[in-house]
Amino acid sequence: MSDHGMIIRSPLADVEIPLGCVGDVVFANVDADPEAIAMIDGPSGRSFTRSALRDAVARLAGGLIADGVTPGEVIALMAANSPEYAIAFHAIARVGATVTTVNPTYGVDEVAYQLQNAGASRIIVDAAFVDTARSAGGSEARIVTIGTAAGYPSIDELYGQPADQVPVDPATHTVVMPYSSGTTGLPKGVMLTHRNLIANIGQLNALLDGKGDEICLSVLPFFHIYGMQATMNAALAEGTCVVTMPRFDMAAALGHIANHAVTLFYAVPPIVLGLAKSPLVDEYDLSSLRKIICGAAPLGAELTDQAASRVDCAIVQAYGMTELSPISHCTHGINGRAGSSGITAPNTECRLVDENEVDVAPGEVGQLLVRGPQVMQGYLGNEKATRESVTEDGWLRTGDLARVDEDGYFYMVDRLKELIKVSGFQVAPAELEALIITHPAVADVAVIGIPDEETGERPKAFIVLKDGQQATAEQISEFVASRVARYKHLAEVSFADSIPKSASGKILRRMLRDA
């Protein structure tokens, strides 16, 4: 792809991207105020100062080395948000290993797929999920728990002599490998380097334009790139105090905002909907809030205004994806525009192109292409998918359709890609189809996303039954629900005589959506 099109750049100056590893950047501010509180565990109130958090990372890194972890090894981290998550994440990074972040609510088959695909030899897991980890990892996986579980060592027993950062090349070493379906297909390991994460930390903090004394409520899961980078790494790097929650609960979240004087709250549309509608909101003092940033799915202007006036706080939007570490667009400060995902991040170039990858005219809708230091290395062991996603000259095809106004504000319009986004979580139609086709009564199946006010979208299955076989919608739904995480559950099941397909056998999902 040539560079002769209309390239849209950030109105903000480029940020300097420090050399080194992600821990160097995240803990760079420790010595400026070592006794400042860095993280608070919301449910228990346990807190870590900046120096205590950094020291815990160094000691756990020493323990991992003593336990036999070697550079380049892949370690699965399967846990809910807590300070220990951050400690484990950065200890793994410090020893030159790679973290693959696993959703702890996954079923055994989902975890087993990721462990096997990533080549993970060890699992650090919340004690509550140890049975799933053991079943998924088999007898050969080394399991260490966060918390106590009979028969397993805990990370508390692993702490050893402090270890320095094991030298790696920050530009090429994969430090974290979350799983994403990209624009299509089964989940793939997204290889993100130290430099990818460091670049996006700097880009995000430049866009946030914080006051320097922020307190962030961290309810978005750290295993998801949005929570990992925005509410853990970028927040800690900025010197923001992070209050963690293991799962979202409206009353608990409002309580933490009031009790800890939270100023910064990252959200997804269902949370914003709750802020607009829930009677609980009136029972808490939310006056400390300065800004709520919503990402993962587009947020309507009307709902934004309704929630913003209710909590008396700016609500702005951002856009990103796992393959972008994750931010490419965000509202600068509180200068939001209704329905807009903000401006292009510093150090980032964008194009909007038609189906032939020719730039569209100003004001027209096109597929968003992004190029910058936050673009992933590629998909693990899948060069074909990498080539389909990233051009030879570095443009990531997002699969999202967008338009940009005359001031450089981007508006996400629709998706080219097949992915279903449920409260910001990705659901790959192909993954659900592969599962449903194993039902003894099913001859053929197609899955699409349908609009949902609360979650943005939810999966709907179209089923063709085998001759002489019977199954109800409820039976199909239960079959799926017993095997996958909750956000992948079917919202609807319809029965059809056939599934529309192209000559090459590709499911024509748009025909199903239009119907």
Protein backbone atom coordinates (compact mmCIF):
# COMPACT_ATOMS: atom_id res chain seq x y z
CA MET A 1 0.00 0.00 0.00
CA SER A 2 1.46 3.39 -0.96
CA ASP A 3 1.64 6.42 1.28
CA HIS A 4 0.20 8.85 -1.25
CA GLY A 5 -3.28 9.02 0.26
CA MET A 6 -4.81 11.35 2.79
CA ILE A 7 -3.01 10.63 6.05
CA ILE A 8 -4.62 12.00 9.20
CA ARG A 9 -2.28 12.71 12.10
CA SER A 10 -2.78 13.77 15.68
CA PRO A 11 -3.18 17.49 16.44
CA LEU A 12 -1.04 16.74 19.53
CA ALA A 13 2.76 16.70 19.46
CA ASP A 14 4.47 13.32 19.33
CA VAL A 15 5.47 11.87 22.70
CA GLU A 16 8.92 10.55 23.47
CA ILE A 17 8.96 6.75 23.69
CA PRO A 18 11.54 5.78 26.32
CA LEU A 19 13.90 2.91 25.64
CA GLY A 20 13.80 0.01 28.07
CA CYS A 21 11.21 -2.43 29.36
CA VAL A 22 7.63 -1.80 30.43
CA GLY A 23 8.47 -2.08 34.15
CA ASP A 24 11.07 0.69 33.79
CA VAL A 25 8.31 3.04 32.63
CA VAL A 26 5.54 1.84 34.98
CA PHE A 27 7.77 2.24 38.06
CA ALA A 28 9.75 5.28 36.88
CA ASN A 29 8.00 7.60 39.35
CA VAL A 30 8.55 5.48 42.50
CA ASP A 31 11.56 7.35 43.87
CA ALA A 32 9.84 10.73 43.47
CA ASP A 33 7.36 9.73 46.20
CA PRO A 34 8.04 6.16 47.41
CA GLU A 35 5.40 6.26 50.16
CA ALA A 36 2.54 7.40 47.92
CA ILE A 37 -0.22 4.79 47.67
CA ALA A 38 -0.03 3.04 44.28
CA MET A 39 -2.75 0.39 44.57
CA ILE A 40 -5.66 -0.37 46.88
CA ASP A 41 -7.52 -3.69 46.82
CA GLY A 42 -11.13 -2.47 46.84
CA PRO A 43 -12.82 -5.36 48.69
CA SER A 44 -10.25 -5.70 51.51
CA GLY A 45 -8.76 -2.20 51.66
CA ARG A 46 -5.19 -3.61 51.52
CA SER A 47 -2.85 -1.07 50.00
CA PHE A 48 0.64 -0.97 48.47
CA THR A 49 2.87 2.06 48.36
CA ARG A 50 4.78 2.69 45.14
CA SER A 51 8.00 1.32 46.65
CA ALA A 52 6.26 -1.71 48.19
CA LEU A 53 4.67 -2.59 44.83
CA ARG A 54 7.98 -2.28 42.95
CA ASP A 55 9.80 -4.31 45.62
CA ALA A 56 7.15 -7.05 45.49
CA VAL A 57 7.62 -7.27 41.70
CA ALA A 58 11.40 -7.61 42.09
CA ARG A 59 11.06 -10.28 44.81
CA LEU A 60 8.48 -12.30 42.89
CA ALA A 61 10.74 -12.09 39.82
CA GLY A 62 13.57 -13.53 41.93
CA GLY A 63 11.28 -16.30 43.08
CA LEU A 64 10.22 -17.12 39.51
CA ILE A 65 13.87 -17.39 38.46
CA ALA A 66 14.60 -19.66 41.45
CA ASP A 67 11.56 -21.74 40.43
CA GLY A 68 13.10 -22.33 37.02
CA VAL A 69 11.42 -19.73 34.80
CA THR A 70 13.58 -18.88 31.80
CA PRO A 71 13.47 -15.96 29.34
CA GLY A 72 11.01 -16.53 26.51
CA GLU A 73 8.82 -18.90 28.52
CA VAL A 74 5.06 -18.28 28.31
CA ILE A 75 3.18 -18.02 31.61
CA ALA A 76 -0.61 -17.83 31.77
CA LEU A 77 -2.08 -15.32 34.21
CA MET A 78 -5.69 -16.19 35.01
CA ALA A 79 -7.06 -13.93 37.73
CA ALA A 80 -9.42 -11.14 38.66
CA ASN A 81 -8.22 -7.59 39.34
CA SER A 82 -6.12 -7.14 42.48
CA PRO A 83 -2.72 -5.65 43.35
CA GLU A 84 -1.32 -9.20 43.12
CA TYR A 85 -2.32 -9.28 39.45
CA ALA A 86 -0.10 -6.28 38.74
CA ILE A 87 2.73 -7.82 40.78
CA ALA A 88 2.52 -11.12 38.89
CA PHE A 89 2.23 -9.41 35.50
CA HIS A 90 5.31 -7.26 36.03
CA ALA A 91 7.32 -10.04 37.68
CA ILE A 92 6.79 -12.21 34.59
CA ALA A 93 7.83 -9.29 32.38
CA ARG A 94 10.89 -8.65 34.57
CA VAL A 95 12.26 -12.18 34.09
CA GLY A 96 12.06 -11.91 30.29
CA ALA A 97 9.08 -14.25 30.01
CA THR A 98 5.77 -13.63 28.21
CA VAL A 99 2.40 -13.22 29.94
CA THR A 100 -0.65 -14.66 28.23
CA THR A 101 -3.69 -13.19 29.97
CA VAL A 102 -6.62 -15.58 30.42
CA ASN A 103 -10.21 -14.71 31.29
CA PRO A 104 -10.77 -16.48 34.64
CA THR A 105 -14.47 -17.04 33.88
CA TYR A 106 -13.61 -19.16 30.81
CA GLY A 107 -14.70 -22.79 30.70
CA VAL A 108 -12.16 -25.62 30.64
CA ASP A 109 -12.15 -25.97 26.83
CA GLU A 110 -11.63 -22.23 26.30
CA VAL A 111 -8.70 -22.14 28.73
CA ALA A 112 -7.20 -25.34 27.30
CA TYR A 113 -7.30 -23.89 23.76
CA GLN A 114 -5.43 -20.76 24.84
CA LEU A 115 -2.84 -22.61 26.98
CA GLN A 116 -2.08 -25.01 24.16
CA ASN A 117 -2.04 -22.35 21.43
CA ALA A 118 0.19 -20.02 23.45
CA GLY A 119 2.49 -22.83 24.59
CA ALA A 120 2.06 -21.87 28.26
CA SER A 121 4.01 -24.10 30.65
CA ARG A 122 2.90 -22.42 33.87
CA ILE A 123 -0.31 -20.90 35.21
CA ILE A 124 -0.62 -18.26 37.92
CA VAL A 125 -4.28 -18.45 38.89
CA ASP A 126 -6.72 -17.12 41.47
CA ALA A 127 -7.34 -19.89 44.00
CA ALA A 128 -11.06 -19.74 43.12
CA PHE A 129 -10.32 -20.89 39.55
CA VAL A 130 -7.66 -23.51 40.26
CA ASP A 131 -9.88 -26.48 39.29
CA THR A 132 -10.49 -25.02 35.83
CA ALA A 133 -6.77 -24.32 35.43
CA ARG A 134 -5.84 -27.87 36.45
CA SER A 135 -8.41 -29.46 34.12
CA ALA A 136 -7.32 -27.22 31.24
CA GLY A 137 -3.57 -27.43 31.82
CA GLY A 138 -3.30 -31.14 32.44
CA SER A 139 -0.88 -32.75 34.87
CA GLU A 140 2.21 -31.21 33.26
CA ALA A 141 1.35 -27.54 33.89
CA ARG A 142 3.02 -25.89 36.90
CA ILE A 143 0.25 -24.10 38.83
CA VAL A 144 0.80 -21.34 41.39
CA THR A 145 -2.15 -19.68 43.10
CA ILE A 146 -3.03 -16.14 44.14
CA GLY A 147 -4.59 -16.91 47.52
CA THR A 148 -4.55 -20.37 49.04
CA ALA A 149 -5.74 -23.66 47.55
CA ALA A 150 -4.93 -27.02 49.13
CA GLY A 151 -2.17 -28.86 47.31
CA TYR A 152 -0.85 -25.86 45.36
CA PRO A 153 1.94 -23.39 46.14
CA SER A 154 0.85 -19.74 46.42
CA ILE A 155 2.80 -16.79 45.06
CA ASP A 156 3.36 -15.76 48.70
CA GLU A 157 5.63 -18.82 49.02
CA LEU A 158 7.45 -17.93 45.81
CA TYR A 159 8.84 -14.52 46.84
CA GLY A 160 12.64 -14.63 46.84
CA GLN A 161 15.68 -12.39 46.55
CA PRO A 162 14.98 -9.29 44.41
CA ALA A 163 15.91 -9.72 40.75
CA ASP A 164 16.83 -7.06 38.20
CA GLN A 165 15.19 -6.85 34.79
CA VAL A 166 16.46 -9.70 32.61
CA PRO A 167 17.81 -8.05 29.43
CA VAL A 168 15.57 -8.41 26.36
CA ASP A 169 15.16 -6.41 23.16
CA PRO A 170 12.17 -4.14 23.97
CA ALA A 171 11.38 -3.67 20.26
CA THR A 172 11.03 -7.38 19.46
CA HIS A 173 10.43 -9.26 22.73
CA THR A 174 6.77 -10.27 23.22
CA VAL A 175 5.96 -9.23 26.79
CA VAL A 176 2.24 -9.94 26.70
CA MET A 177 0.02 -12.06 24.49
CA PRO A 178 -3.69 -11.43 25.02
CA TYR A 179 -6.04 -13.32 22.72
CA SER A 180 -8.15 -11.58 20.10
CA SER A 181 -10.20 -12.79 17.17
CA GLY A 182 -8.82 -9.96 15.06
CA THR A 183 -11.32 -9.16 12.34
CA THR A 184 -12.43 -12.77 11.93
CA GLY A 185 -11.89 -16.37 12.97
CA LEU A 186 -10.85 -18.12 16.16
CA PRO A 187 -8.99 -16.25 18.91
CA LYS A 188 -5.31 -15.63 18.12
CA GLY A 189 -2.37 -14.69 20.33
CA VAL A 190 -1.61 -10.98 19.78
CA MET A 191 2.13 -10.45 20.19
CA LEU A 192 2.75 -7.12 21.93
CA THR A 193 6.27 -5.96 22.73
CA HIS A 194 7.63 -3.86 25.59
CA ARG A 195 7.87 -1.00 23.07
CA ASN A 196 4.21 -1.45 22.02
CA LEU A 197 3.04 -1.13 25.63
CA ILE A 198 5.43 1.73 26.49
CA ALA A 199 4.41 3.70 23.39
CA ASN A 200 0.72 3.36 24.17
CA ILE A 201 1.22 4.29 27.84
CA GLY A 202 2.78 7.58 26.70
CA GLN A 203 0.14 8.14 24.02
CA LEU A 204 -2.74 7.50 26.40
CA ASN A 205 -1.40 9.67 29.20
CA ALA A 206 -0.82 12.55 26.75
CA LEU A 207 -4.44 12.29 25.64
CA LEU A 208 -5.79 12.03 29.20
CA ASP A 209 -4.19 15.33 30.20
CA GLY A 210 -4.58 14.40 33.89
CA LYS A 211 -4.10 16.69 36.88
CA GLY A 212 -1.29 14.58 38.38
CA ASP A 213 -3.27 13.56 41.46
CA GLU A 214 -5.78 11.18 39.90
CA ILE A 215 -7.39 8.23 41.67
CA CYS A 216 -8.63 5.60 39.22
CA LEU A 217 -11.32 2.97 39.82
CA SER A 218 -10.11 -0.16 38.06
CA VAL A 219 -13.06 -2.45 37.34
CA LEU A 220 -12.28 -3.26 33.70
CA PRO A 221 -10.52 -6.62 33.80
CA PHE A 222 -6.73 -6.56 33.67
CA PHE A 223 -6.80 -9.68 31.44
CA HIS A 224 -8.43 -7.50 28.74
CA ILE A 225 -6.09 -5.06 26.96
CA TYR A 226 -8.26 -2.04 27.87
CA GLY A 227 -8.06 -2.70 31.62
CA MET A 228 -4.45 -3.91 31.46
CA GLN A 229 -3.10 -0.81 29.76
CA ALA A 230 -5.47 2.02 30.73
CA THR A 231 -6.32 1.17 34.34
CA MET A 232 -3.14 -0.68 35.34
CA ASN A 233 -0.01 0.19 33.37
CA ALA A 234 -0.74 3.74 32.17
CA ALA A 235 -2.30 4.67 35.51
CA LEU A 236 0.66 3.40 37.54
CA ALA A 237 3.12 5.06 35.15
CA GLU A 238 1.34 8.38 35.63
CA GLY A 239 1.48 8.05 39.43
CA THR A 240 -2.28 7.53 39.63
CA CYS A 241 -3.57 5.61 42.64
CA VAL A 242 -5.43 2.51 41.39
CA VAL A 243 -8.39 1.06 43.32
CA THR A 244 -9.09 -2.48 42.09
CA MET A 245 -12.38 -4.38 41.89
CA PRO A 246 -12.49 -8.10 41.01
CA ARG A 247 -15.80 -7.75 39.16
CA PHE A 248 -18.29 -4.99 38.44
CA ASP A 249 -21.02 -4.38 40.97
CA MET A 250 -22.82 -1.04 40.80
CA ALA A 251 -23.23 -0.51 44.56
CA ALA A 252 -19.63 -1.50 45.29
CA ALA A 253 -18.31 0.70 42.48
CA LEU A 254 -20.28 3.73 43.68
CA GLY A 255 -19.09 3.03 47.23
CA HIS A 256 -15.44 2.99 46.13
CA ILE A 257 -15.88 6.25 44.20
CA ALA A 258 -17.31 7.91 47.32
CA ASN A 259 -14.91 6.34 49.86
CA HIS A 260 -11.67 6.82 47.90
CA ALA A 261 -12.58 10.14 46.21
CA VAL A 262 -12.09 8.56 42.78
CA THR A 263 -11.46 11.12 40.03
CA LEU A 264 -11.05 8.90 36.95
CA PHE A 265 -13.32 6.01 35.96
CA TYR A 266 -12.90 3.86 32.85
CA ALA A 267 -16.17 2.29 31.75
CA VAL A 268 -17.97 0.38 29.01
CA PRO A 269 -21.48 1.25 27.70
CA PRO A 270 -23.41 -1.03 30.11
CA ILE A 271 -21.80 0.77 33.07
CA VAL A 272 -22.70 4.17 31.61
CA LEU A 273 -26.26 2.91 31.08
CA GLY A 274 -26.33 1.97 34.79
CA LEU A 275 -25.09 5.44 35.78
CA ALA A 276 -27.91 6.96 33.73
CA LYS A 277 -30.67 4.68 35.02
CA SER A 278 -29.82 3.08 38.38
CA PRO A 279 -31.59 4.48 41.47
CA LEU A 280 -28.43 3.60 43.47
CA VAL A 281 -26.59 6.56 41.94
CA ASP A 282 -28.53 9.02 44.12
CA GLU A 283 -27.33 7.31 47.32
CA TYR A 284 -23.60 8.10 46.92
CA ASP A 285 -21.40 11.20 46.85
CA LEU A 286 -19.79 11.13 43.41
CA SER A 287 -18.58 14.73 43.47
CA SER A 288 -14.89 13.71 43.26
CA LEU A 289 -15.34 12.37 39.70
CA ARG A 290 -13.65 14.49 37.03
CA LYS A 291 -13.88 12.22 34.03
CA ILE A 292 -15.42 8.96 32.86
CA ILE A 293 -13.85 7.43 29.76
CA CYS A 294 -15.95 4.95 27.83
CA GLY A 295 -14.49 2.53 25.31
CA ALA A 296 -14.92 -0.96 23.84
CA ALA A 297 -18.12 -0.08 21.94
CA PRO A 298 -19.69 3.14 20.62
CA LEU A 299 -21.78 5.15 23.08
CA GLY A 300 -24.81 7.10 21.89
CA ALA A 301 -24.88 10.86 22.38
CA GLU A 302 -28.23 10.81 24.21
CA LEU A 303 -27.14 8.20 26.76
CA THR A 304 -23.82 10.02 27.24
CA ASP A 305 -25.57 13.30 28.02
CA GLN A 306 -28.09 11.62 30.32
CA ALA A 307 -25.40 9.89 32.39
CA ALA A 308 -23.08 12.91 32.41
CA SER A 309 -25.76 15.22 33.80
CA ARG A 310 -26.80 12.59 36.36
CA VAL A 311 -23.29 12.19 37.84
CA ASP A 312 -22.25 15.79 37.02
CA CYS A 313 -19.06 14.68 35.31
CA ALA A 314 -17.59 14.69 31.81
CA ILE A 315 -18.09 11.41 29.92
CA VAL A 316 -15.85 11.03 26.88
CA GLN A 317 -15.00 8.21 24.49
CA ALA A 318 -11.95 6.35 23.22
CA TYR A 319 -11.33 3.77 20.50
CA GLY A 320 -8.87 0.93 20.27
CA MET A 321 -8.33 -2.77 19.85
CA THR A 322 -6.02 -5.45 21.23
CA GLU A 323 -3.85 -5.24 18.11
CA LEU A 324 -3.24 -1.53 18.93
CA SER A 325 -2.07 -2.01 22.53
CA PRO A 326 -5.00 -0.75 22.55
CA ILE A 327 -5.54 3.01 21.97
CA SER A 328 -5.46 4.75 18.60
CA HIS A 329 -8.10 7.44 19.34
CA CYS A 330 -9.21 9.15 22.51
CA THR A 331 -10.85 12.37 23.59
CA HIS A 332 -8.20 14.88 24.65
CA GLY A 333 -8.88 15.99 28.21
CA ILE A 334 -12.61 16.62 28.49
CA ASN A 335 -12.98 18.20 25.03
CA GLY A 336 -15.51 15.64 23.89
CA ARG A 337 -17.93 15.71 20.99
CA ALA A 338 -21.19 13.79 21.19
CA GLY A 339 -20.81 10.37 19.62
CA SER A 340 -17.11 10.86 18.82
CA SER A 341 -14.25 8.57 19.88
CA GLY A 342 -11.94 11.57 19.93
CA ILE A 343 -8.80 12.50 18.03
CA THR A 344 -5.89 10.48 16.72
CA ALA A 345 -3.29 9.57 19.35
CA PRO A 346 0.18 11.16 19.19
CA ASN A 347 2.79 9.31 17.05
CA THR A 348 -0.12 7.77 15.09
CA GLU A 349 -1.22 7.99 11.44
CA CYS A 350 -4.69 7.10 10.13
CA ARG A 351 -6.36 6.62 6.78
CA LEU A 352 -9.97 5.98 5.76
CA VAL A 353 -10.18 3.80 2.66
CA ASP A 354 -12.75 2.11 0.41
CA GLU A 355 -12.93 -1.60 -0.42
CA ASN A 356 -9.99 -1.19 -2.84
CA GLU A 357 -7.96 0.56 -0.11
CA VAL A 358 -8.14 3.87 -1.95
CA ASP A 359 -8.61 6.88 0.31
CA VAL A 360 -12.18 8.16 0.53
CA ALA A 361 -13.07 11.82 0.10
CA PRO A 362 -13.10 14.05 3.22
CA GLY A 363 -16.27 13.51 5.26
CA GLU A 364 -16.99 10.09 3.72
CA VAL A 365 -17.05 6.77 5.56
CA GLY A 366 -14.18 4.34 5.05
CA GLN A 367 -12.36 1.50 6.76
CA LEU A 368 -9.99 2.85 9.41
CA LEU A 369 -6.32 1.99 8.90
CA VAL A 370 -3.84 2.81 11.67
CA ARG A 371 -0.04 2.99 11.70
CA GLY A 372 2.13 3.73 14.70
CA PRO A 373 4.41 2.27 17.39
CA GLN A 374 1.43 0.66 19.14
CA VAL A 375 0.66 -1.71 16.24
CA MET A 376 1.24 -5.35 17.24
CA GLN A 377 4.12 -7.53 16.04
CA GLY A 378 1.57 -9.97 14.62
CA TYR A 379 -0.43 -13.06 15.53
CA LEU A 380 1.41 -15.97 17.13
CA GLY A 381 2.15 -18.70 14.61
CA ASN A 382 -0.27 -17.27 12.06
CA GLU A 383 1.52 -15.37 9.32
CA LYS A 384 -1.49 -15.54 7.01
CA ALA A 385 -3.74 -13.75 9.52
CA THR A 386 -0.96 -11.26 10.24
CA ARG A 387 -0.58 -10.44 6.53
CA GLU A 388 -4.34 -10.03 6.19
CA SER A 389 -4.37 -7.59 9.13
CA VAL A 390 -1.15 -5.58 8.67
CA THR A 391 0.12 -4.29 5.32
CA GLU A 392 3.78 -4.53 4.33
CA ASP A 393 4.26 -0.87 5.17
CA GLY A 394 2.73 -1.18 8.62
CA TRP A 395 -0.94 -0.16 8.28
CA LEU A 396 -3.28 -2.16 10.55
CA ARG A 397 -6.66 -2.83 8.95
CA THR A 398 -9.05 -2.35 11.87
CA GLY A 399 -12.13 -3.73 10.12
CA ASP A 400 -14.07 -0.76 11.52
CA LEU A 401 -15.82 1.84 9.38
CA ALA A 402 -15.41 5.45 10.49
CA ARG A 403 -15.65 9.05 9.38
CA VAL A 404 -13.67 12.07 10.52
CA ASP A 405 -14.90 15.67 10.84
CA GLU A 406 -13.04 18.80 9.75
CA ASP A 407 -11.44 19.14 13.21
CA GLY A 408 -10.03 15.61 13.24
CA TYR A 409 -12.64 13.97 15.52
CA PHE A 410 -13.42 10.36 14.57
CA TYR A 411 -16.85 8.72 14.62
CA MET A 412 -17.15 4.92 14.48
CA VAL A 413 -19.99 4.01 12.11
CA ASP A 414 -20.10 0.23 11.64
CA ARG A 415 -17.94 -2.85 11.38
CA LEU A 416 -16.70 -4.64 8.30
CA LYS A 417 -15.52 -7.47 10.47
CA GLU A 418 -17.65 -10.32 11.68
CA LEU A 419 -16.70 -9.96 15.32
CA ILE A 420 -19.50 -9.52 17.86
CA LYS A 421 -18.73 -7.08 20.68
CA VAL A 422 -20.53 -7.83 23.97
CA SER A 423 -19.76 -5.17 26.60
CA GLY A 424 -16.35 -4.79 24.98
CA PHE A 425 -15.57 -8.51 24.94
CA GLN A 426 -15.00 -10.14 21.57
CA VAL A 427 -17.15 -13.04 20.47
CA ALA A 428 -16.00 -14.76 17.27
CA PRO A 429 -18.94 -16.20 15.33
CA ALA A 430 -16.67 -18.98 14.05
CA GLU A 431 -15.92 -20.10 17.61
CA LEU A 432 -19.62 -20.45 18.52
CA GLU A 433 -20.40 -22.07 15.16
CA ALA A 434 -17.66 -24.66 15.72
CA LEU A 435 -19.22 -25.49 19.09
CA ILE A 436 -22.88 -25.55 17.97
CA ILE A 437 -22.17 -27.80 14.99
CA THR A 438 -21.11 -30.52 17.47
CA HIS A 439 -24.70 -30.72 18.79
CA PRO A 440 -26.11 -34.03 17.54
CA ALA A 441 -29.25 -32.41 16.07
CA VAL A 442 -27.51 -29.59 14.15
CA ALA A 443 -26.71 -29.87 10.43
CA ASP A 444 -25.55 -26.29 9.81
CA VAL A 445 -25.28 -23.04 11.76
CA ALA A 446 -24.46 -19.35 11.41
CA VAL A 447 -23.96 -16.80 14.19
CA ILE A 448 -24.34 -13.03 13.91
CA GLY A 449 -24.46 -10.12 16.35
CA ILE A 450 -27.77 -8.41 17.07
CA PRO A 451 -28.16 -5.00 18.75
CA ASP A 452 -28.63 -4.94 22.52
CA GLU A 453 -29.21 -1.74 24.50
CA GLU A 454 -27.27 -2.90 27.53
CA THR A 455 -24.30 -4.73 26.01
CA GLY A 456 -24.06 -3.20 22.52
CA GLU A 457 -24.49 -6.55 20.78
CA ARG A 458 -25.26 -10.18 21.60
CA PRO A 459 -24.91 -13.40 19.57
CA LYS A 460 -27.83 -14.89 17.66
CA ALA A 461 -27.66 -18.36 16.08
CA PHE A 462 -29.44 -19.54 12.93
CA ILE A 463 -29.80 -23.33 13.04
CA VAL A 464 -30.47 -25.89 10.33
CA LEU A 465 -31.53 -29.18 11.94
CA LYS A 466 -30.58 -32.60 10.58
CA ASP A 467 -33.38 -34.51 8.88
CA GLY A 468 -35.48 -36.32 11.46
CA GLN A 469 -33.80 -34.54 14.39
CA GLN A 470 -35.47 -32.17 16.83
CA ALA A 471 -34.13 -29.53 19.23
CA THR A 472 -35.64 -26.46 20.85
CA ALA A 473 -34.11 -23.01 21.03
CA GLU A 474 -33.75 -23.50 24.79
CA GLN A 475 -31.83 -26.77 24.32
CA ILE A 476 -29.40 -25.14 21.87
CA SER A 477 -28.92 -22.16 24.22
CA GLU A 478 -28.28 -24.42 27.21
CA PHE A 479 -25.84 -26.52 25.18
CA VAL A 480 -23.80 -23.36 24.47
CA ALA A 481 -24.17 -21.85 27.96
CA SER A 482 -22.73 -24.93 29.66
CA ARG A 483 -19.52 -24.69 27.63
CA VAL A 484 -18.54 -21.03 27.27
CA ALA A 485 -18.10 -17.82 29.27
CA ARG A 486 -21.31 -15.91 30.04
CA TYR A 487 -20.75 -13.10 27.54
CA LYS A 488 -20.75 -15.69 24.71
CA HIS A 489 -24.22 -17.01 25.63
CA LEU A 490 -26.82 -16.83 22.86
CA ALA A 491 -29.44 -14.10 23.04
CA GLU A 492 -31.64 -15.74 20.40
CA VAL A 493 -31.92 -18.93 18.36
CA SER A 494 -33.79 -19.11 15.03
CA PHE A 495 -34.34 -22.17 12.88
CA ALA A 496 -33.82 -21.99 9.11
CA ASP A 497 -34.02 -24.28 6.09
CA SER A 498 -30.55 -23.26 4.91
CA ILE A 499 -27.67 -20.88 5.65
CA PRO A 500 -26.85 -18.37 2.87
CA LYS A 501 -23.28 -18.90 1.59
CA SER A 502 -21.02 -17.60 -1.16
CA ALA A 503 -19.67 -19.79 -3.97
CA SER A 504 -16.55 -20.40 -1.89
CA GLY A 505 -18.67 -21.56 1.05
CA LYS A 506 -18.28 -18.41 3.17
CA ILE A 507 -21.32 -17.60 5.33
CA LEU A 508 -23.07 -14.44 4.09
CA ARG A 509 -23.74 -12.91 7.50
CA ARG A 510 -24.88 -9.58 6.09
CA MET A 511 -27.80 -11.33 4.38
CA LEU A 512 -28.80 -12.81 7.75
CA ARG A 513 -28.48 -9.39 9.41
CA ASP A 514 -30.50 -7.68 6.69
CA ALA A 515 -33.20 -10.33 6.92
